[in-house]
């Protein structure tokens, strides 16, 4: 069916989210407060 398949570039969801909050002028902390969660992995 496919003679020469090409790999697909998959962007991690975090890259889309970070572009969105930057476009809105938010920080990671702002987004965390909006989502009622904490920042970071600690």
C-alpha atoms as a PDB file:
ATOM      1  CA  UNK A   1       0.000   0.000   0.000  1.00  0.00           C
ATOM      2  CA  UNK A   2       2.716   2.494   1.005  1.00  0.00           C
ATOM      3  CA  UNK A   3       6.002   2.112  -0.787  1.00  0.00           C
ATOM      4  CA  UNK A   4       7.951   4.879   0.947  1.00  0.00           C
ATOM      5  CA  UNK A   5       6.202   5.938   4.140  1.00  0.00           C
ATOM      6  CA  UNK A   6       7.494   9.170   5.682  1.00  0.00           C
ATOM      7  CA  UNK A   7       7.643   9.833   9.410  1.00  0.00           C
ATOM      8  CA  UNK A   8       5.131  12.302  10.750  1.00  0.00           C
ATOM      9  CA  UNK A   9       6.240  15.166  12.960  1.00  0.00           C
ATOM     10  CA  UNK A  10       4.152  15.140  16.115  1.00  0.00           C
ATOM     11  CA  UNK A  11       4.241  18.202  18.328  1.00  0.00           C
ATOM     12  CA  UNK A  12       3.848  17.638  22.049  1.00  0.00           C
ATOM     13  CA  UNK A  13       0.658  19.185  23.473  1.00  0.00           C
ATOM     14  CA  UNK A  14       2.720  21.410  25.754  1.00  0.00           C
ATOM     15  CA  UNK A  15       4.125  23.323  22.794  1.00  0.00           C
ATOM     16  CA  UNK A  16       0.639  24.271  21.616  1.00  0.00           C
ATOM     17  CA  UNK A  17      -0.426  25.236  25.123  1.00  0.00           C
ATOM     18  CA  UNK A  18       2.664  27.401  25.658  1.00  0.00           C
ATOM     19  CA  UNK A  19       2.132  29.183  22.328  1.00  0.00           C
ATOM     20  CA  UNK A  20      -1.467  29.893  23.320  1.00  0.00           C
ATOM     21  CA  UNK A  21      -0.655  31.344  26.737  1.00  0.00           C
ATOM     22  CA  UNK A  22       2.163  33.451  25.244  1.00  0.00           C
ATOM     23  CA  UNK A  23      -0.212  34.783  22.557  1.00  0.00           C
ATOM     24  CA  UNK A  24      -2.606  35.828  25.330  1.00  0.00           C
ATOM     25  CA  UNK A  25       0.149  37.476  27.370  1.00  0.00           C
ATOM     26  CA  UNK A  26      -0.201  34.967  30.220  1.00  0.00           C
ATOM     27  CA  UNK A  27       2.490  33.298  32.286  1.00  0.00           C
ATOM     28  CA  UNK A  28       2.516  29.652  33.306  1.00  0.00           C
ATOM     29  CA  UNK A  29       1.364  30.806  36.741  1.00  0.00           C
ATOM     30  CA  UNK A  30      -1.588  32.694  35.194  1.00  0.00           C
ATOM     31  CA  UNK A  31      -2.660  29.588  33.311  1.00  0.00           C
ATOM     32  CA  UNK A  32      -2.333  27.461  36.455  1.00  0.00           C
ATOM     33  CA  UNK A  33      -4.500  29.895  38.402  1.00  0.00           C
ATOM     34  CA  UNK A  34      -7.115  29.918  35.641  1.00  0.00           C
ATOM     35  CA  UNK A  35      -7.136  26.122  35.635  1.00  0.00           C
ATOM     36  CA  UNK A  36      -7.021  26.021  39.461  1.00  0.00           C
ATOM     37  CA  UNK A  37      -3.883  23.875  39.577  1.00  0.00           C
ATOM     38  CA  UNK A  38      -0.229  24.235  40.548  1.00  0.00           C
ATOM     39  CA  UNK A  39       2.800  25.134  38.409  1.00  0.00           C
ATOM     40  CA  UNK A  40       5.758  22.825  37.840  1.00  0.00           C
ATOM     41  CA  UNK A  41       6.237  19.125  38.509  1.00  0.00           C
ATOM     42  CA  UNK A  42       7.245  19.303  42.175  1.00  0.00           C
END
